[in-house]
Amino acid sequence: MQNIGAPLVSIIIPVYNGEKYLAEAIDSALAQTYEKIEIIVVNDGSQDKSDMIAKSYQNKIRYFSKENGGVSSALNLAIKNMKGEYFSWLSHDDLYYPNKIEDQVKYILLQSKKTIIYSNENIINGNGDILKKAKKHKKLQNSLIFELLHNRFIGGCSLLIPRTAFDEVSIFDESLKTIQDYDLWFKMLNSGYNFEYLPIVSGASRIHDNQVSVTQRSLCNEEIQNGYKKIIDSLKLSLLNNTDDDYAKTFNKLAYLYKRNNELLLYRFCLKKSEDYKATLASQFYKTKALLYTKYLTPLNYLRYFKFKFIKLKSLIIKKI
């Protein structure tokens, strides 16, 4: 594709001990049909051959090496040094398909400035075999934020994000190890960014035994549940619902979706929020009723009421006579 006047896209590849898959990831970035790209590889203190593999690409990539600080710190280093107008994250064990950047750039240029694009990904195993083919997302029945709170179906490496989003909202929270991506996506949604779905298969997300989600499953589960409590508390409630503001009903629905996912801490948290909103609504109802009572049963209205009753009684007596 000819990219005259087209925006530069920065493909960011953070790596930690990724010698087994790193070359495949870099090659998939270099194979993009969209020519105006830069590839930034950030070595997050790897102790294997990742450094040697990255350096073998010489001037085909921009290479940074740092002490180990977690994937968020590697991504943030790349963001601070990227030259592109758009950010595209590629994990060292995942793959892009050749059309990923070209199709997404074409689409995002038709959208508003505060737009982030997401697409589909195949799921592959350690050998690259497809375990699950991507399916087109169904039309959302609820708001995107509501769906993401319990489903988390957007793959971080399927996104294309304007560089300005990081300036306006935030970079990745380096204290988080497993939900740093969704923590930031929710912040961006909360700040007015739209996530638009482009129904293409943009790449492949790999599942293997050395992932943090596998090796530290209990830590991941704990961080997800505690992190999502903070995320829920920080959200603008108006973004939760598509049609109404019955937040008690919304949180009750979320609670039982979390229960189905066996995320019991979030289940109890949302159930309590639902009960709190029910109590608030009840309180508001009785306050309104009390205000109406006070407004209309003033001393003057009492006099008017009894005057009306007296006149009515008098007319009845006259009729009987």
Protein backbone atom coordinates (compact mmCIF):
# COMPACT_ATOMS: atom_id res chain seq x y z
CA MET A 1 0.00 0.00 0.00
CA GLN A 2 1.25 3.50 -0.87
CA ASN A 3 1.23 5.62 2.28
CA ILE A 4 1.74 9.16 0.95
CA GLY A 5 0.43 11.51 3.62
CA ALA A 6 -0.68 8.56 5.75
CA PRO A 7 -0.07 8.56 9.52
CA LEU A 8 2.87 6.78 11.08
CA VAL A 9 1.89 3.81 13.26
CA SER A 10 4.11 2.60 16.10
CA ILE A 11 3.98 -1.16 16.69
CA ILE A 12 5.13 -1.79 20.26
CA ILE A 13 6.54 -5.20 21.25
CA PRO A 14 7.40 -5.57 24.95
CA VAL A 15 9.38 -8.75 25.65
CA TYR A 16 10.41 -10.67 28.74
CA ASN A 17 12.13 -14.03 28.27
CA GLY A 18 10.42 -14.42 24.93
CA GLU A 19 13.12 -16.12 22.88
CA LYS A 20 10.74 -18.85 21.71
CA TYR A 21 8.26 -16.52 19.98
CA LEU A 22 9.88 -13.06 19.61
CA ALA A 23 11.21 -13.49 16.07
CA GLU A 24 7.79 -14.67 14.87
CA ALA A 25 6.15 -11.61 16.40
CA ILE A 26 8.67 -9.19 14.87
CA ASP A 27 8.37 -10.89 11.47
CA SER A 28 4.59 -10.50 11.56
CA ALA A 29 5.01 -6.78 12.26
CA LEU A 30 7.50 -6.41 9.39
CA ALA A 31 5.08 -8.24 7.07
CA GLN A 32 2.39 -5.53 7.34
CA THR A 33 0.95 -4.32 4.05
CA TYR A 34 0.89 -0.82 5.55
CA GLU A 35 4.36 0.60 4.97
CA LYS A 36 4.44 3.62 7.23
CA ILE A 37 5.27 1.88 10.48
CA GLU A 38 7.96 1.84 13.12
CA ILE A 39 8.56 -1.25 15.24
CA ILE A 40 9.72 -0.67 18.80
CA VAL A 41 10.95 -3.64 20.83
CA VAL A 42 11.43 -3.11 24.56
CA ASN A 43 13.40 -5.77 26.40
CA ASP A 44 12.11 -5.81 29.98
CA GLY A 45 15.18 -7.38 31.60
CA SER A 46 15.07 -10.72 29.81
CA GLN A 47 17.55 -13.41 30.92
CA ASP A 48 17.34 -15.51 27.77
CA LYS A 49 18.30 -14.85 24.15
CA SER A 50 15.66 -12.15 23.57
CA ASP A 51 18.32 -9.44 23.46
CA MET A 52 20.34 -11.26 20.78
CA ILE A 53 17.22 -11.98 18.70
CA ALA A 54 16.05 -8.36 18.80
CA LYS A 55 19.48 -6.99 17.91
CA SER A 56 19.69 -9.31 14.90
CA TYR A 57 17.03 -7.14 13.20
CA GLN A 58 19.40 -4.17 13.33
CA ASN A 59 17.85 -1.03 11.78
CA LYS A 60 14.58 -2.76 10.92
CA ILE A 61 13.42 -2.04 14.45
CA ARG A 62 14.02 0.48 17.24
CA TYR A 63 15.37 -1.37 20.27
CA PHE A 64 15.32 -0.43 23.96
CA SER A 65 16.58 -2.49 26.90
CA LYS A 66 15.77 -1.90 30.56
CA GLU A 67 15.71 -3.55 33.97
CA ASN A 68 12.74 -5.76 34.66
CA GLY A 69 9.72 -3.74 35.76
CA GLY A 70 6.77 -5.50 34.21
CA VAL A 71 4.95 -5.16 30.91
CA SER A 72 3.37 -1.82 31.87
CA SER A 73 6.77 -0.21 32.38
CA ALA A 74 7.97 -1.56 29.02
CA LEU A 75 4.88 -0.24 27.24
CA ASN A 76 5.23 3.15 28.93
CA LEU A 77 8.87 3.44 27.86
CA ALA A 78 7.80 2.77 24.27
CA ILE A 79 4.94 5.30 24.46
CA LYS A 80 7.34 7.99 25.67
CA ASN A 81 9.68 7.27 22.75
CA MET A 82 7.24 6.49 19.94
CA LYS A 83 7.09 8.77 16.89
CA GLY A 84 3.82 7.50 15.46
CA GLU A 85 0.38 9.08 15.58
CA TYR A 86 -1.10 5.71 16.47
CA PHE A 87 -0.13 3.01 18.97
CA SER A 88 -0.50 -0.71 18.27
CA TRP A 89 0.56 -3.22 20.93
CA LEU A 90 1.91 -6.63 19.92
CA SER A 91 2.82 -9.06 22.72
CA HIS A 92 6.05 -10.96 22.07
CA ASP A 93 4.14 -14.27 21.90
CA ASP A 94 1.31 -13.06 19.63
CA LEU A 95 1.04 -12.43 15.89
CA TYR A 96 -0.35 -9.82 13.54
CA TYR A 97 -1.87 -10.78 10.23
CA PRO A 98 -0.58 -8.71 7.28
CA ASN A 99 -3.72 -6.54 6.89
CA LYS A 100 -4.01 -5.53 10.56
CA ILE A 101 -2.59 -2.01 10.44
CA GLU A 102 -3.74 -1.11 6.91
CA ASP A 103 -7.40 -2.01 7.50
CA GLN A 104 -7.54 -0.33 10.88
CA VAL A 105 -5.87 2.89 9.69
CA LYS A 106 -8.33 3.16 6.80
CA TYR A 107 -11.22 2.76 9.24
CA ILE A 108 -9.97 5.03 12.01
CA LEU A 109 -9.41 7.92 9.60
CA LEU A 110 -13.16 7.91 8.95
CA GLN A 111 -13.98 8.23 12.65
CA SER A 112 -13.87 11.06 15.17
CA LYS A 113 -10.53 11.94 16.77
CA LYS A 114 -11.46 10.31 20.06
CA THR A 115 -11.86 6.83 18.57
CA ILE A 116 -10.10 3.57 19.36
CA ILE A 117 -10.45 0.59 17.02
CA TYR A 118 -10.72 -3.04 18.10
CA SER A 119 -11.05 -6.21 16.02
CA ASN A 120 -11.09 -10.00 16.32
CA GLU A 121 -8.24 -12.40 17.01
CA ASN A 122 -7.79 -16.12 16.51
CA ILE A 123 -6.59 -18.14 19.50
CA ILE A 124 -3.49 -20.27 18.85
CA ASN A 125 -1.37 -22.65 20.91
CA GLY A 126 2.37 -22.75 21.47
CA ASN A 127 2.93 -24.36 18.08
CA GLY A 128 0.83 -21.81 16.22
CA ASP A 129 -2.11 -24.15 15.63
CA ILE A 130 -5.50 -22.46 15.74
CA LEU A 131 -7.45 -23.53 18.81
CA LYS A 132 -10.38 -21.20 18.25
CA LYS A 133 -11.26 -19.24 15.15
CA ALA A 134 -12.39 -15.66 15.63
CA LYS A 135 -16.10 -15.01 15.34
CA LYS A 136 -17.74 -11.72 14.50
CA HIS A 137 -18.96 -10.05 17.67
CA LYS A 138 -22.71 -9.98 18.06
CA LYS A 139 -24.52 -6.69 18.42
CA LEU A 140 -24.17 -5.59 22.03
CA GLN A 141 -27.37 -5.90 24.08
CA ASN A 142 -26.00 -3.59 26.78
CA SER A 143 -23.46 -0.76 26.82
CA LEU A 144 -19.88 -1.63 25.85
CA ILE A 145 -18.68 -0.80 29.36
CA PHE A 146 -21.26 -3.13 30.92
CA GLU A 147 -20.20 -5.96 28.59
CA LEU A 148 -16.48 -5.40 29.22
CA LEU A 149 -16.96 -5.42 32.99
CA HIS A 150 -17.85 -9.10 32.97
CA ASN A 151 -16.85 -10.45 29.55
CA ARG A 152 -13.51 -8.75 28.70
CA PHE A 153 -13.67 -9.82 25.08
CA ILE A 154 -11.37 -7.16 23.59
CA GLY A 155 -7.81 -8.37 22.98
CA GLY A 156 -5.25 -5.67 23.72
CA CYS A 157 -3.24 -6.54 20.63
CA SER A 158 -6.26 -6.01 18.38
CA LEU A 159 -6.44 -2.29 19.21
CA LEU A 160 -5.32 0.80 17.35
CA ILE A 161 -5.09 3.80 19.70
CA PRO A 162 -4.38 7.47 18.91
CA ARG A 163 -1.18 8.70 20.56
CA THR A 164 -3.16 11.63 21.97
CA ALA A 165 -5.24 9.28 24.14
CA PHE A 166 -2.22 8.62 26.35
CA ASP A 167 -1.54 12.36 26.66
CA GLU A 168 -5.14 13.17 27.50
CA VAL A 169 -5.96 10.24 29.78
CA SER A 170 -3.04 8.24 31.16
CA ILE A 171 -0.36 5.68 30.43
CA PHE A 172 -0.36 2.15 31.90
CA ASP A 173 -0.47 1.70 35.68
CA GLU A 174 2.87 0.07 36.51
CA SER A 175 1.60 -1.26 39.85
CA LEU A 176 -0.70 -3.65 37.98
CA LYS A 177 0.62 -6.92 36.57
CA THR A 178 -2.39 -8.51 34.86
CA ILE A 179 -5.17 -5.95 34.29
CA GLN A 180 -3.09 -2.93 33.30
CA ASP A 181 -4.70 -3.05 29.85
CA TYR A 182 -8.37 -3.04 30.92
CA ASP A 183 -7.63 -0.54 33.67
CA LEU A 184 -6.48 1.89 30.97
CA TRP A 185 -9.26 1.04 28.47
CA PHE A 186 -11.87 1.88 31.11
CA LYS A 187 -10.12 5.15 31.91
CA MET A 188 -10.23 6.04 28.21
CA LEU A 189 -13.91 5.09 27.93
CA ASN A 190 -14.62 7.13 31.05
CA SER A 191 -12.85 10.11 29.44
CA GLY A 192 -15.06 10.11 26.36
CA TYR A 193 -13.15 7.87 23.95
CA ASN A 194 -15.28 5.62 21.72
CA PHE A 195 -14.31 2.02 21.02
CA GLU A 196 -15.38 1.16 17.47
CA TYR A 197 -15.50 -2.41 16.24
CA LEU A 198 -13.92 -3.27 12.88
CA PRO A 199 -14.93 -6.87 12.02
CA ILE A 200 -11.65 -8.24 10.70
CA VAL A 201 -9.33 -10.91 12.10
CA SER A 202 -6.34 -8.74 12.95
CA GLY A 203 -4.05 -11.37 14.42
CA ALA A 204 -3.62 -14.33 16.73
CA SER A 205 -3.43 -14.45 20.52
CA ARG A 206 -1.29 -17.29 21.80
CA ILE A 207 -2.04 -19.48 24.82
CA HIS A 208 0.90 -21.33 26.37
CA ASP A 209 2.15 -22.61 29.73
CA ASN A 210 4.60 -19.78 30.45
CA GLN A 211 2.03 -16.96 30.53
CA VAL A 212 1.51 -15.08 33.79
CA SER A 213 -2.20 -15.91 33.62
CA VAL A 214 -1.19 -19.59 33.78
CA THR A 215 1.85 -19.53 36.09
CA GLN A 216 0.31 -17.09 38.61
CA ARG A 217 -3.39 -17.85 38.28
CA SER A 218 -4.33 -17.03 41.89
CA LEU A 219 -2.49 -13.68 41.76
CA CYS A 220 -4.27 -12.84 38.50
CA ASN A 221 -7.68 -13.69 39.94
CA GLU A 222 -7.05 -11.59 43.05
CA GLU A 223 -5.83 -8.58 41.05
CA ILE A 224 -8.75 -8.84 38.62
CA GLN A 225 -11.37 -8.81 41.36
CA ASN A 226 -9.77 -6.09 43.50
CA GLY A 227 -8.91 -4.04 40.41
CA TYR A 228 -12.41 -4.24 38.98
CA LYS A 229 -13.91 -3.00 42.25
CA LYS A 230 -11.86 0.19 41.84
CA ILE A 231 -12.74 0.40 38.14
CA ILE A 232 -16.48 0.11 38.88
CA ASP A 233 -16.29 2.78 41.57
CA SER A 234 -14.51 5.18 39.19
CA LEU A 235 -16.93 4.80 36.27
CA LYS A 236 -19.47 7.40 35.23
CA LEU A 237 -22.75 5.64 35.90
CA SER A 238 -24.34 7.13 32.79
CA LEU A 239 -21.97 4.95 30.71
CA LEU A 240 -23.25 1.71 32.24
CA ASN A 241 -26.70 1.68 30.66
CA ASN A 242 -27.91 2.15 27.12
CA THR A 243 -31.54 2.90 27.90
CA ASP A 244 -32.29 3.87 31.49
CA ASP A 245 -30.78 4.86 34.81
CA ASP A 246 -32.00 1.93 36.90
CA TYR A 247 -28.57 1.33 38.42
CA ALA A 248 -29.93 -0.99 41.11
CA LYS A 249 -31.12 -3.33 38.34
CA THR A 250 -27.83 -2.95 36.42
CA PHE A 251 -25.64 -3.82 39.39
CA ASN A 252 -27.90 -6.72 40.30
CA LYS A 253 -27.47 -8.10 36.79
CA LEU A 254 -23.69 -7.60 36.96
CA ALA A 255 -23.59 -9.35 40.33
CA TYR A 256 -25.14 -12.54 38.96
CA LEU A 257 -22.89 -12.49 35.90
CA TYR A 258 -19.90 -12.38 38.26
CA LYS A 259 -21.38 -15.22 40.27
CA ARG A 260 -21.66 -17.26 37.08
CA ASN A 261 -17.96 -16.51 36.43
CA ASN A 262 -17.16 -17.62 40.01
CA GLU A 263 -15.84 -14.13 40.82
CA LEU A 264 -17.50 -14.06 44.21
CA LEU A 265 -15.80 -10.94 45.55
CA LEU A 266 -17.19 -8.95 42.63
CA TYR A 267 -20.54 -10.70 43.01
CA ARG A 268 -20.88 -9.54 46.62
CA PHE A 269 -19.56 -6.07 45.78
CA CYS A 270 -22.10 -5.47 43.00
CA LEU A 271 -24.93 -7.01 45.00
CA LYS A 272 -24.25 -4.52 47.79
CA LYS A 273 -24.15 -1.64 45.29
CA SER A 274 -27.51 -2.80 43.95
CA GLU A 275 -29.00 -2.84 47.46
CA ASP A 276 -27.50 0.59 48.17
CA TYR A 277 -29.15 2.05 45.06
CA LYS A 278 -32.48 0.47 45.99
CA ALA A 279 -32.21 2.07 49.43
CA THR A 280 -31.31 5.42 47.83
CA LEU A 281 -34.31 5.24 45.50
CA ALA A 282 -36.61 4.39 48.41
CA SER A 283 -35.21 7.27 50.44
CA GLN A 284 -35.69 9.67 47.52
CA PHE A 285 -39.28 8.47 47.08
CA TYR A 286 -40.21 9.12 50.71
CA LYS A 287 -38.42 12.47 50.72
CA THR A 288 -40.41 13.50 47.65
CA LYS A 289 -43.63 12.34 49.29
CA ALA A 290 -42.78 14.27 52.46
CA LEU A 291 -42.02 17.42 50.44
CA LEU A 292 -45.36 17.14 48.65
CA TYR A 293 -47.13 16.61 51.96
CA THR A 294 -45.43 19.68 53.45
CA LYS A 295 -46.11 21.75 50.34
CA TYR A 296 -49.82 21.09 50.06
CA LEU A 297 -50.87 20.68 53.71
CA THR A 298 -49.98 24.18 54.88
CA PRO A 299 -52.22 26.00 57.44
CA LEU A 300 -53.80 28.02 54.63
CA ASN A 301 -54.66 24.83 52.77
CA TYR A 302 -56.18 23.40 55.95
CA LEU A 303 -58.48 26.47 56.17
CA ARG A 304 -59.42 26.12 52.49
CA TYR A 305 -60.09 22.42 53.00
CA PHE A 306 -62.41 22.97 56.00
CA LYS A 307 -64.11 25.92 54.26
CA PHE A 308 -64.85 23.61 51.31
CA LYS A 309 -66.21 20.94 53.67
CA PHE A 310 -68.38 23.49 55.53
CA ILE A 311 -69.91 24.81 52.28
CA LYS A 312 -70.61 21.27 51.10
CA LEU A 313 -72.24 20.35 54.43
CA LYS A 314 -74.35 23.55 54.38
CA SER A 315 -75.65 22.79 50.91
CA LEU A 316 -76.66 19.28 52.01
CA ILE A 317 -78.62 20.66 55.01
CA ILE A 318 -80.47 23.21 52.83
CA LYS A 319 -81.43 20.45 50.39
CA LYS A 320 -82.91 18.35 53.20
CA ILE A 321 -84.95 21.30 54.49
